[in-house]
Structures are given as C-alpha cells and as structure tokens.
Amino acid sequence: MAEPRVPGGRGEVLDLPCGEEKRVYDLDMGLREFGCDCGEDHAVVVDVHPLSRFVPEFLVDTLRATVETTGEREFSMTHLMGIVLEEFPEAVVSADVSDDGEVGYAMVWVTDFDSRRLHEIAVELLVELMEHAVSHAEDDGAVSEFEEQMLQFDVAEFVEQYRRERDFASEHDTPA
C-alpha cells in the first residue's frame, strides 16, 4: 500500500506487488508501463488516462450511457481500475495522490502484470460488465445475439489489433 513519506521527499512510495518500491513522482501521466528492478514490466494507469486506452470511443460512449455509477460521475478509468483491483487485489496497488499538485493526476494504479496483459484483463472485465447489463434486458433476442457474438470474440486478437491501430509507442497516443 502507499505510505506518505517525509515532507519534501517527493510524495508517496508504492510498495509494489513484486516487493519492490516505486516513487509515485516517477510515474508521469505518459507512462504506460515500466521495467522494474524485479525483472518484470508493470503496467501503470492514472485516472486521467482515457478509457479509449483499452476500447474504442464508441464503446466508451455506450458504457457511459448504460453503466450507472454511484455519485454524479460517469463511468471512467477510476471505475474500470476499481473493477480490476477487485478482481486482482494481490496484483494491483494504488495511491490517492490528489493532494500532490506535482504529479498531475489524482489516482495511480500499478499492476503486477505488463500493460498488454492489463489491456486484455480490462477488455475481459468490460465484456463481463456488458454481458451482465445485457442479461437484464427484457429482449431475449438481444441477449442471445450478444452471447453469440461473444462466443466469436477473441480478446487477445482484439487487443493485438487495437494496440496496432493506436500509437502506444508515444506518450501522446490518441483514440483510434
């Protein structure tokens, strides 16, 4: 978990799932993953990252229109990473750094897996969320059609294609 450090010490330090530590100040908004001293790559997500990091804008719009959240905020990266954290509590650490004006974001998550695996997990969890929403529809035809489409949906192939279409080599990647 995140622990506050001595004032002037450049903010919080995350105790990573691998046992290493990482200063939050070193995790800038453009960073999507980093190579750790443990030898593995860890994905980084901050609350200001767009959901289109993982899925196309039309799907983000659909999620925001259909998923009810508590409070006044629409479905966002914070909600998605909350779902990831709930599913993988031992593999994700987070910190609320909203009081640290130097970092440029309010929440940060670091995972025990790399950015590609996190992308696959995010898509899988969003599909489950959509499947749950569709299951509550009163239209049996829509439910059946969705289930049939999901049988043909290959998460790994989707992620591969989506990442190819997006510029993940740059910190200035934009929606596809």
N, C-alpha and C. Protein backbone atom coordinates (compact mmCIF):
# COMPACT_ATOMS: atom_id res chain seq x y z
N MET A 1 0.84 -1.18 0.00
CA MET A 1 0.00 0.00 0.00
C MET A 1 0.88 1.24 0.00
N ALA A 2 0.27 2.34 -0.38
CA ALA A 2 1.00 3.59 -0.42
C ALA A 2 1.18 4.12 1.00
N GLU A 3 2.34 4.70 1.24
CA GLU A 3 2.62 5.30 2.53
C GLU A 3 3.14 6.70 2.32
N PRO A 4 2.63 7.67 3.09
CA PRO A 4 3.18 9.02 2.98
C PRO A 4 4.62 9.02 3.49
N ARG A 5 5.43 9.85 2.90
CA ARG A 5 6.83 9.95 3.31
C ARG A 5 7.09 11.33 3.92
N VAL A 6 8.31 11.59 4.25
CA VAL A 6 8.71 12.85 4.85
C VAL A 6 8.41 13.99 3.89
N PRO A 7 7.85 15.11 4.40
CA PRO A 7 7.59 16.25 3.52
C PRO A 7 8.85 16.65 2.77
N GLY A 8 8.68 16.97 1.50
CA GLY A 8 9.82 17.33 0.67
C GLY A 8 10.49 16.12 0.06
N GLY A 9 10.02 14.92 0.39
CA GLY A 9 10.62 13.70 -0.12
C GLY A 9 10.02 13.24 -1.43
N ARG A 10 9.34 14.12 -2.11
CA ARG A 10 8.75 13.86 -3.43
C ARG A 10 7.60 12.86 -3.38
N GLY A 11 6.73 12.99 -2.40
CA GLY A 11 5.48 12.25 -2.40
C GLY A 11 5.57 10.83 -1.90
N GLU A 12 4.54 10.10 -2.26
CA GLU A 12 4.36 8.74 -1.77
C GLU A 12 5.25 7.74 -2.51
N VAL A 13 5.42 6.62 -1.84
CA VAL A 13 6.13 5.49 -2.42
C VAL A 13 5.17 4.31 -2.40
N LEU A 14 5.04 3.65 -3.55
CA LEU A 14 4.18 2.47 -3.65
C LEU A 14 5.00 1.23 -3.34
N ASP A 15 4.43 0.36 -2.51
CA ASP A 15 5.01 -0.96 -2.28
C ASP A 15 4.37 -1.86 -3.34
N LEU A 16 5.15 -2.22 -4.35
CA LEU A 16 4.63 -2.98 -5.49
C LEU A 16 4.33 -4.42 -5.10
N PRO A 17 3.43 -5.07 -5.84
CA PRO A 17 3.11 -6.48 -5.55
C PRO A 17 4.33 -7.39 -5.61
N CYS A 18 5.33 -7.01 -6.38
CA CYS A 18 6.54 -7.84 -6.51
C CYS A 18 7.50 -7.69 -5.34
N GLY A 19 7.22 -6.71 -4.46
CA GLY A 19 8.10 -6.49 -3.31
C GLY A 19 9.00 -5.28 -3.46
N GLU A 20 9.12 -4.75 -4.65
CA GLU A 20 9.93 -3.55 -4.86
C GLU A 20 9.13 -2.31 -4.50
N GLU A 21 9.78 -1.15 -4.51
CA GLU A 21 9.13 0.12 -4.26
C GLU A 21 9.27 1.02 -5.48
N LYS A 22 8.32 1.92 -5.65
CA LYS A 22 8.37 2.89 -6.75
C LYS A 22 7.82 4.21 -6.24
N ARG A 23 8.58 5.29 -6.46
CA ARG A 23 8.11 6.61 -6.07
C ARG A 23 7.00 7.05 -7.03
N VAL A 24 5.90 7.51 -6.49
CA VAL A 24 4.79 7.99 -7.32
C VAL A 24 5.26 9.12 -8.23
N TYR A 25 6.15 9.95 -7.73
CA TYR A 25 6.66 11.08 -8.52
C TYR A 25 7.31 10.62 -9.83
N ASP A 26 7.82 9.39 -9.88
CA ASP A 26 8.45 8.86 -11.09
C ASP A 26 7.45 8.34 -12.11
N LEU A 27 6.17 8.32 -11.75
CA LEU A 27 5.13 7.77 -12.63
C LEU A 27 4.38 8.93 -13.30
N ASP A 28 4.93 9.41 -14.41
CA ASP A 28 4.27 10.54 -15.06
C ASP A 28 3.07 10.09 -15.88
N MET A 29 2.25 11.04 -16.31
CA MET A 29 0.99 10.74 -16.99
C MET A 29 1.18 9.99 -18.29
N GLY A 30 2.31 10.11 -18.94
CA GLY A 30 2.53 9.44 -20.21
C GLY A 30 3.03 8.01 -20.08
N LEU A 31 3.38 7.60 -18.90
CA LEU A 31 3.93 6.28 -18.67
C LEU A 31 2.83 5.23 -18.69
N ARG A 32 3.01 4.16 -19.49
CA ARG A 32 2.03 3.08 -19.56
C ARG A 32 2.55 1.82 -18.87
N GLU A 33 3.85 1.68 -18.77
CA GLU A 33 4.47 0.58 -18.02
C GLU A 33 5.92 0.94 -17.79
N PHE A 34 6.55 0.24 -16.86
CA PHE A 34 7.96 0.47 -16.59
C PHE A 34 8.62 -0.85 -16.27
N GLY A 35 9.92 -0.92 -16.58
CA GLY A 35 10.72 -2.07 -16.22
C GLY A 35 11.14 -1.93 -14.77
N CYS A 36 10.89 -2.96 -14.00
CA CYS A 36 11.14 -2.92 -12.56
C CYS A 36 12.45 -3.63 -12.23
N ASP A 37 12.99 -3.29 -11.08
CA ASP A 37 14.20 -3.97 -10.60
C ASP A 37 13.98 -5.46 -10.38
N CYS A 38 12.71 -5.89 -10.27
CA CYS A 38 12.41 -7.31 -10.08
C CYS A 38 12.60 -8.09 -11.39
N GLY A 39 12.78 -7.37 -12.49
CA GLY A 39 12.98 -8.01 -13.78
C GLY A 39 11.73 -8.06 -14.65
N GLU A 40 10.60 -7.67 -14.12
CA GLU A 40 9.33 -7.68 -14.86
C GLU A 40 8.90 -6.27 -15.22
N ASP A 41 7.97 -6.18 -16.17
CA ASP A 41 7.35 -4.90 -16.51
C ASP A 41 6.04 -4.80 -15.77
N HIS A 42 5.73 -3.60 -15.28
CA HIS A 42 4.48 -3.36 -14.55
C HIS A 42 3.69 -2.28 -15.28
N ALA A 43 2.39 -2.51 -15.47
CA ALA A 43 1.51 -1.52 -16.10
C ALA A 43 1.24 -0.39 -15.11
N VAL A 44 1.09 0.79 -15.67
CA VAL A 44 0.76 1.98 -14.89
C VAL A 44 -0.49 2.61 -15.50
N VAL A 45 -1.43 2.97 -14.65
CA VAL A 45 -2.64 3.67 -15.08
C VAL A 45 -2.86 4.82 -14.12
N VAL A 46 -3.22 5.98 -14.68
CA VAL A 46 -3.63 7.11 -13.85
C VAL A 46 -5.05 7.48 -14.23
N ASP A 47 -5.73 8.13 -13.31
CA ASP A 47 -7.15 8.42 -13.51
C ASP A 47 -7.43 9.30 -14.73
N VAL A 48 -6.47 10.08 -15.18
CA VAL A 48 -6.71 10.94 -16.34
C VAL A 48 -6.51 10.22 -17.67
N HIS A 49 -6.06 8.98 -17.64
CA HIS A 49 -5.99 8.21 -18.88
C HIS A 49 -7.41 7.97 -19.38
N PRO A 50 -7.61 8.08 -20.68
CA PRO A 50 -8.96 7.84 -21.21
C PRO A 50 -9.28 6.35 -21.27
N LEU A 51 -10.56 6.02 -21.14
CA LEU A 51 -10.97 4.63 -21.30
C LEU A 51 -10.63 4.12 -22.69
N SER A 52 -10.50 5.03 -23.64
CA SER A 52 -10.16 4.62 -25.00
C SER A 52 -8.73 4.09 -25.08
N ARG A 53 -8.01 4.11 -23.99
CA ARG A 53 -6.73 3.40 -23.93
C ARG A 53 -6.96 1.91 -24.16
N PHE A 54 -8.13 1.42 -23.73
CA PHE A 54 -8.42 0.00 -23.80
C PHE A 54 -9.47 -0.39 -24.84
N VAL A 55 -10.43 0.49 -25.10
CA VAL A 55 -11.51 0.17 -26.04
C VAL A 55 -11.84 1.41 -26.88
N PRO A 56 -12.45 1.21 -28.05
CA PRO A 56 -12.77 2.34 -28.93
C PRO A 56 -13.77 3.33 -28.30
N GLU A 57 -13.73 4.56 -28.78
CA GLU A 57 -14.59 5.63 -28.25
C GLU A 57 -16.07 5.28 -28.30
N PHE A 58 -16.54 4.62 -29.37
CA PHE A 58 -17.96 4.30 -29.45
C PHE A 58 -18.37 3.40 -28.29
N LEU A 59 -17.47 2.51 -27.87
CA LEU A 59 -17.77 1.63 -26.74
C LEU A 59 -17.72 2.40 -25.42
N VAL A 60 -16.80 3.34 -25.33
CA VAL A 60 -16.74 4.20 -24.14
C VAL A 60 -18.05 4.97 -24.02
N ASP A 61 -18.54 5.51 -25.12
CA ASP A 61 -19.82 6.24 -25.10
C ASP A 61 -20.95 5.33 -24.66
N THR A 62 -20.97 4.09 -25.15
CA THR A 62 -22.01 3.13 -24.78
C THR A 62 -21.93 2.81 -23.30
N LEU A 63 -20.73 2.58 -22.79
CA LEU A 63 -20.56 2.29 -21.36
C LEU A 63 -21.05 3.45 -20.51
N ARG A 64 -20.70 4.66 -20.90
CA ARG A 64 -21.09 5.83 -20.12
C ARG A 64 -22.61 6.04 -20.15
N ALA A 65 -23.23 5.66 -21.26
CA ALA A 65 -24.68 5.83 -21.38
C ALA A 65 -25.46 4.75 -20.61
N THR A 66 -24.83 3.60 -20.40
CA THR A 66 -25.58 2.48 -19.83
C THR A 66 -25.18 2.08 -18.42
N VAL A 67 -23.96 2.34 -18.02
CA VAL A 67 -23.50 1.93 -16.70
C VAL A 67 -23.78 3.03 -15.69
N GLU A 68 -24.58 2.68 -14.70
CA GLU A 68 -24.89 3.63 -13.63
C GLU A 68 -23.79 3.53 -12.57
N THR A 69 -23.31 4.68 -12.17
CA THR A 69 -22.28 4.73 -11.13
C THR A 69 -22.84 5.45 -9.92
N THR A 70 -22.20 5.25 -8.79
CA THR A 70 -22.62 6.00 -7.61
C THR A 70 -22.06 7.40 -7.74
N GLY A 71 -22.79 8.34 -7.26
CA GLY A 71 -22.35 9.73 -7.38
C GLY A 71 -22.74 10.30 -8.73
N GLU A 72 -22.18 11.43 -9.05
CA GLU A 72 -22.53 12.14 -10.28
C GLU A 72 -21.58 11.84 -11.44
N ARG A 73 -20.52 11.13 -11.19
CA ARG A 73 -19.52 10.90 -12.23
C ARG A 73 -19.95 9.81 -13.18
N GLU A 74 -19.59 9.96 -14.45
CA GLU A 74 -19.87 8.92 -15.44
C GLU A 74 -18.78 7.85 -15.36
N PHE A 75 -19.06 6.71 -15.96
CA PHE A 75 -18.11 5.59 -15.96
C PHE A 75 -16.77 6.08 -16.48
N SER A 76 -15.71 5.79 -15.74
CA SER A 76 -14.39 6.34 -16.06
C SER A 76 -13.29 5.31 -15.78
N MET A 77 -12.07 5.74 -16.00
CA MET A 77 -10.92 4.88 -15.72
C MET A 77 -10.91 4.48 -14.24
N THR A 78 -11.34 5.38 -13.36
CA THR A 78 -11.37 5.07 -11.94
C THR A 78 -12.29 3.88 -11.68
N HIS A 79 -13.44 3.85 -12.34
CA HIS A 79 -14.36 2.72 -12.17
C HIS A 79 -13.76 1.43 -12.72
N LEU A 80 -13.19 1.51 -13.91
CA LEU A 80 -12.60 0.31 -14.51
C LEU A 80 -11.47 -0.23 -13.64
N MET A 81 -10.60 0.63 -13.17
CA MET A 81 -9.49 0.14 -12.35
C MET A 81 -9.98 -0.36 -10.99
N GLY A 82 -11.11 0.17 -10.52
CA GLY A 82 -11.72 -0.39 -9.31
C GLY A 82 -12.16 -1.83 -9.53
N ILE A 83 -12.68 -2.10 -10.72
CA ILE A 83 -13.09 -3.47 -11.06
C ILE A 83 -11.86 -4.38 -11.16
N VAL A 84 -10.79 -3.87 -11.80
CA VAL A 84 -9.55 -4.65 -11.91
C VAL A 84 -9.00 -4.94 -10.51
N LEU A 85 -8.98 -3.93 -9.67
CA LEU A 85 -8.47 -4.09 -8.30
C LEU A 85 -9.31 -5.10 -7.52
N GLU A 86 -10.62 -5.08 -7.72
CA GLU A 86 -11.49 -6.03 -7.04
C GLU A 86 -11.21 -7.47 -7.49
N GLU A 87 -10.94 -7.65 -8.78
CA GLU A 87 -10.68 -8.98 -9.32
C GLU A 87 -9.27 -9.48 -9.00
N PHE A 88 -8.32 -8.56 -8.88
CA PHE A 88 -6.92 -8.93 -8.68
C PHE A 88 -6.33 -8.13 -7.51
N PRO A 89 -6.86 -8.29 -6.30
CA PRO A 89 -6.41 -7.46 -5.18
C PRO A 89 -4.93 -7.62 -4.82
N GLU A 90 -4.36 -8.78 -5.09
CA GLU A 90 -2.96 -9.01 -4.75
C GLU A 90 -2.01 -8.53 -5.85
N ALA A 91 -2.56 -8.18 -7.02
CA ALA A 91 -1.73 -7.82 -8.17
C ALA A 91 -1.80 -6.34 -8.54
N VAL A 92 -2.53 -5.56 -7.76
CA VAL A 92 -2.69 -4.14 -8.06
C VAL A 92 -2.50 -3.33 -6.79
N VAL A 93 -1.69 -2.27 -6.90
CA VAL A 93 -1.57 -1.30 -5.81
C VAL A 93 -2.02 0.05 -6.36
N SER A 94 -2.52 0.87 -5.47
CA SER A 94 -3.00 2.19 -5.89
C SER A 94 -2.65 3.22 -4.84
N ALA A 95 -2.72 4.47 -5.26
CA ALA A 95 -2.49 5.57 -4.33
C ALA A 95 -3.36 6.74 -4.73
N ASP A 96 -3.94 7.38 -3.74
CA ASP A 96 -4.67 8.63 -3.93
C ASP A 96 -3.67 9.74 -3.70
N VAL A 97 -3.30 10.41 -4.76
CA VAL A 97 -2.30 11.48 -4.68
C VAL A 97 -2.94 12.83 -5.02
N SER A 98 -4.22 12.94 -4.76
CA SER A 98 -4.95 14.16 -5.11
C SER A 98 -4.42 15.39 -4.38
N ASP A 99 -3.71 15.19 -3.27
CA ASP A 99 -3.13 16.32 -2.54
C ASP A 99 -1.75 16.71 -3.06
N ASP A 100 -1.22 15.95 -4.01
CA ASP A 100 0.11 16.21 -4.55
C ASP A 100 -0.03 16.93 -5.90
N GLY A 101 0.12 18.23 -5.88
CA GLY A 101 -0.05 19.03 -7.09
C GLY A 101 1.03 18.86 -8.13
N GLU A 102 2.08 18.14 -7.83
CA GLU A 102 3.19 17.99 -8.77
C GLU A 102 2.99 16.87 -9.78
N VAL A 103 2.15 15.89 -9.49
CA VAL A 103 2.07 14.73 -10.36
C VAL A 103 1.09 14.89 -11.52
N GLY A 104 0.03 15.70 -11.37
CA GLY A 104 -0.89 15.94 -12.47
C GLY A 104 -2.06 14.97 -12.57
N TYR A 105 -2.21 14.11 -11.60
CA TYR A 105 -3.33 13.17 -11.56
C TYR A 105 -3.70 12.95 -10.10
N ALA A 106 -4.88 12.35 -9.90
CA ALA A 106 -5.36 12.15 -8.53
C ALA A 106 -5.17 10.71 -8.05
N MET A 107 -5.29 9.74 -8.97
CA MET A 107 -5.16 8.33 -8.62
C MET A 107 -4.15 7.66 -9.55
N VAL A 108 -3.42 6.71 -9.00
CA VAL A 108 -2.48 5.93 -9.79
C VAL A 108 -2.60 4.47 -9.36
N TRP A 109 -2.50 3.59 -10.35
CA TRP A 109 -2.52 2.14 -10.12
C TRP A 109 -1.30 1.55 -10.80
N VAL A 110 -0.65 0.61 -10.15
CA VAL A 110 0.44 -0.15 -10.74
C VAL A 110 0.09 -1.62 -10.57
N THR A 111 0.25 -2.39 -11.65
CA THR A 111 -0.13 -3.80 -11.60
C THR A 111 1.10 -4.69 -11.63
N ASP A 112 0.90 -5.91 -11.20
CA ASP A 112 1.96 -6.91 -11.23
C ASP A 112 2.17 -7.45 -12.64
N PHE A 113 1.27 -7.12 -13.57
CA PHE A 113 1.40 -7.59 -14.95
C PHE A 113 1.69 -6.41 -15.86
N ASP A 114 2.17 -6.72 -17.06
CA ASP A 114 2.55 -5.66 -18.00
C ASP A 114 1.32 -5.02 -18.64
N SER A 115 1.55 -3.98 -19.43
CA SER A 115 0.43 -3.21 -19.99
C SER A 115 -0.41 -4.02 -20.97
N ARG A 116 0.22 -4.94 -21.70
CA ARG A 116 -0.56 -5.77 -22.62
C ARG A 116 -1.52 -6.69 -21.86
N ARG A 117 -1.03 -7.34 -20.82
CA ARG A 117 -1.89 -8.23 -20.02
C ARG A 117 -2.99 -7.42 -19.34
N LEU A 118 -2.65 -6.23 -18.82
CA LEU A 118 -3.67 -5.38 -18.23
C LEU A 118 -4.73 -5.02 -19.28
N HIS A 119 -4.31 -4.75 -20.50
CA HIS A 119 -5.25 -4.43 -21.57
C HIS A 119 -6.21 -5.59 -21.78
N GLU A 120 -5.70 -6.79 -21.85
CA GLU A 120 -6.55 -7.98 -22.02
C GLU A 120 -7.53 -8.13 -20.84
N ILE A 121 -7.03 -7.94 -19.64
CA ILE A 121 -7.88 -8.05 -18.45
C ILE A 121 -8.97 -6.99 -18.48
N ALA A 122 -8.61 -5.76 -18.83
CA ALA A 122 -9.60 -4.68 -18.89
C ALA A 122 -10.70 -5.01 -19.89
N VAL A 123 -10.32 -5.50 -21.06
CA VAL A 123 -11.32 -5.85 -22.08
C VAL A 123 -12.21 -7.00 -21.58
N GLU A 124 -11.59 -8.02 -21.00
CA GLU A 124 -12.37 -9.14 -20.46
C GLU A 124 -13.38 -8.67 -19.42
N LEU A 125 -12.97 -7.78 -18.54
CA LEU A 125 -13.87 -7.29 -17.49
C LEU A 125 -14.96 -6.39 -18.07
N LEU A 126 -14.64 -5.62 -19.09
CA LEU A 126 -15.67 -4.79 -19.73
C LEU A 126 -16.69 -5.66 -20.47
N VAL A 127 -16.22 -6.74 -21.09
CA VAL A 127 -17.15 -7.67 -21.74
C VAL A 127 -18.07 -8.30 -20.70
N GLU A 128 -17.52 -8.69 -19.56
CA GLU A 128 -18.35 -9.25 -18.48
C GLU A 128 -19.38 -8.23 -17.99
N LEU A 129 -18.96 -6.98 -17.88
CA LEU A 129 -19.86 -5.92 -17.45
C LEU A 129 -20.99 -5.74 -18.47
N MET A 130 -20.65 -5.75 -19.75
CA MET A 130 -21.66 -5.61 -20.80
C MET A 130 -22.59 -6.83 -20.80
N GLU A 131 -22.01 -8.00 -20.62
CA GLU A 131 -22.81 -9.23 -20.60
C GLU A 131 -23.82 -9.19 -19.45
N HIS A 132 -23.37 -8.70 -18.31
CA HIS A 132 -24.25 -8.58 -17.16
C HIS A 132 -25.39 -7.59 -17.47
N ALA A 133 -25.05 -6.47 -18.09
CA ALA A 133 -26.06 -5.47 -18.43
C ALA A 133 -27.07 -6.03 -19.44
N VAL A 134 -26.56 -6.73 -20.44
CA VAL A 134 -27.45 -7.30 -21.46
C VAL A 134 -28.35 -8.37 -20.85
N SER A 135 -27.83 -9.10 -19.88
CA SER A 135 -28.63 -10.17 -19.26
C SER A 135 -29.87 -9.62 -18.56
N HIS A 136 -29.86 -8.33 -18.22
CA HIS A 136 -31.01 -7.71 -17.59
C HIS A 136 -31.99 -7.13 -18.59
N ALA A 137 -31.64 -7.20 -19.87
CA ALA A 137 -32.53 -6.69 -20.91
C ALA A 137 -33.77 -7.59 -21.00
N GLU A 138 -34.86 -6.98 -21.35
CA GLU A 138 -36.10 -7.74 -21.48
C GLU A 138 -36.26 -8.29 -22.88
N ASP A 139 -35.23 -8.15 -23.69
CA ASP A 139 -35.26 -8.61 -25.09
C ASP A 139 -34.40 -9.88 -25.20
N ASP A 140 -35.07 -11.04 -25.21
CA ASP A 140 -34.34 -12.31 -25.29
C ASP A 140 -33.51 -12.41 -26.55
N GLY A 141 -33.97 -11.80 -27.64
CA GLY A 141 -33.22 -11.82 -28.90
C GLY A 141 -31.90 -11.08 -28.76
N ALA A 142 -31.92 -9.94 -28.09
CA ALA A 142 -30.69 -9.16 -27.87
C ALA A 142 -29.71 -9.93 -27.01
N VAL A 143 -30.23 -10.59 -25.99
CA VAL A 143 -29.38 -11.39 -25.11
C VAL A 143 -28.73 -12.52 -25.89
N SER A 144 -29.51 -13.23 -26.68
CA SER A 144 -28.98 -14.34 -27.48
C SER A 144 -27.95 -13.86 -28.49
N GLU A 145 -28.25 -12.74 -29.15
CA GLU A 145 -27.33 -12.19 -30.15
C GLU A 145 -26.01 -11.78 -29.51
N PHE A 146 -26.08 -11.13 -28.35
CA PHE A 146 -24.87 -10.72 -27.65
C PHE A 146 -24.05 -11.94 -27.25
N GLU A 147 -24.69 -12.94 -26.70
CA GLU A 147 -23.97 -14.14 -26.27
C GLU A 147 -23.31 -14.84 -27.46
N GLU A 148 -23.99 -14.87 -28.60
CA GLU A 148 -23.41 -15.49 -29.79
C GLU A 148 -22.20 -14.70 -30.28
N GLN A 149 -22.31 -13.38 -30.27
CA GLN A 149 -21.19 -12.54 -30.69
C GLN A 149 -20.00 -12.72 -29.76
N MET A 150 -20.26 -12.86 -28.47
CA MET A 150 -19.17 -13.01 -27.51
C MET A 150 -18.46 -14.35 -27.66
N LEU A 151 -19.17 -15.36 -28.13
CA LEU A 151 -18.52 -16.65 -28.39
C LEU A 151 -17.50 -16.54 -29.50
N GLN A 152 -17.71 -15.60 -30.41
CA GLN A 152 -16.81 -15.40 -31.54
C GLN A 152 -15.74 -14.35 -31.25
N PHE A 153 -15.88 -13.64 -30.14
CA PHE A 153 -14.97 -12.55 -29.81
C PHE A 153 -13.69 -13.10 -29.19
N ASP A 154 -12.57 -12.75 -29.78
CA ASP A 154 -11.26 -13.19 -29.29
C ASP A 154 -10.57 -11.98 -28.65
N VAL A 155 -10.49 -11.98 -27.34
CA VAL A 155 -9.93 -10.85 -26.61
C VAL A 155 -8.49 -10.58 -27.04
N ALA A 156 -7.67 -11.62 -27.11
CA ALA A 156 -6.26 -11.43 -27.47
C ALA A 156 -6.11 -10.83 -28.86
N GLU A 157 -6.91 -11.28 -29.80
CA GLU A 157 -6.87 -10.74 -31.16
C GLU A 157 -7.34 -9.29 -31.18
N PHE A 158 -8.41 -8.99 -30.45
CA PHE A 158 -8.89 -7.61 -30.36
C PHE A 158 -7.79 -6.70 -29.82
N VAL A 159 -7.17 -7.12 -28.71
CA VAL A 159 -6.12 -6.30 -28.09
C VAL A 159 -4.96 -6.10 -29.06
N GLU A 160 -4.56 -7.17 -29.73
CA GLU A 160 -3.46 -7.07 -30.70
C GLU A 160 -3.80 -6.04 -31.79
N GLN A 161 -4.98 -6.13 -32.35
CA GLN A 161 -5.38 -5.22 -33.41
C GLN A 161 -5.53 -3.79 -32.88
N TYR A 162 -6.15 -3.64 -31.73
CA TYR A 162 -6.36 -2.30 -31.17
C TYR A 162 -5.04 -1.62 -30.85
N ARG A 163 -4.11 -2.38 -30.29
CA ARG A 163 -2.80 -1.81 -29.96
C ARG A 163 -2.02 -1.46 -31.23
N ARG A 164 -2.22 -2.23 -32.27
CA ARG A 164 -1.56 -1.95 -33.55
C ARG A 164 -2.10 -0.64 -34.15
N GLU A 165 -3.40 -0.40 -33.97
CA GLU A 165 -4.03 0.79 -34.54
C GLU A 165 -3.76 2.05 -33.71
N ARG A 166 -3.40 1.87 -32.45
CA ARG A 166 -3.10 3.01 -31.59
C ARG A 166 -1.60 3.20 -31.54
N ASP A 167 -1.17 4.40 -31.22
CA ASP A 167 0.26 4.69 -31.11
C ASP A 167 0.69 4.57 -29.66
N PHE A 168 0.97 3.33 -29.22
CA PHE A 168 1.38 3.13 -27.84
C PHE A 168 2.86 3.36 -27.63
N ALA A 169 3.59 3.66 -28.70
CA ALA A 169 5.00 3.93 -28.56
C ALA A 169 5.22 5.37 -28.06
N SER A 170 4.20 6.21 -28.20
CA SER A 170 4.31 7.59 -27.82
C SER A 170 3.47 7.86 -26.58
N GLU A 171 3.93 8.78 -25.76
CA GLU A 171 3.12 9.15 -24.60
C GLU A 171 1.93 9.99 -25.01
N HIS A 172 1.85 10.38 -26.29
CA HIS A 172 0.77 11.22 -26.80
C HIS A 172 -0.21 10.42 -27.65
N ASP A 173 -0.42 9.14 -27.30
CA ASP A 173 -1.34 8.32 -28.09
C ASP A 173 -2.74 8.92 -28.03
N THR A 174 -3.50 8.70 -29.07
CA THR A 174 -4.84 9.27 -29.16
C THR A 174 -5.83 8.17 -29.51
N PRO A 175 -7.14 8.42 -29.29
CA PRO A 175 -8.12 7.42 -29.63
C PRO A 175 -8.04 7.02 -31.09
N ALA A 176 -8.30 5.75 -31.36
CA ALA A 176 -8.25 5.26 -32.75
C ALA A 176 -9.47 5.74 -33.50
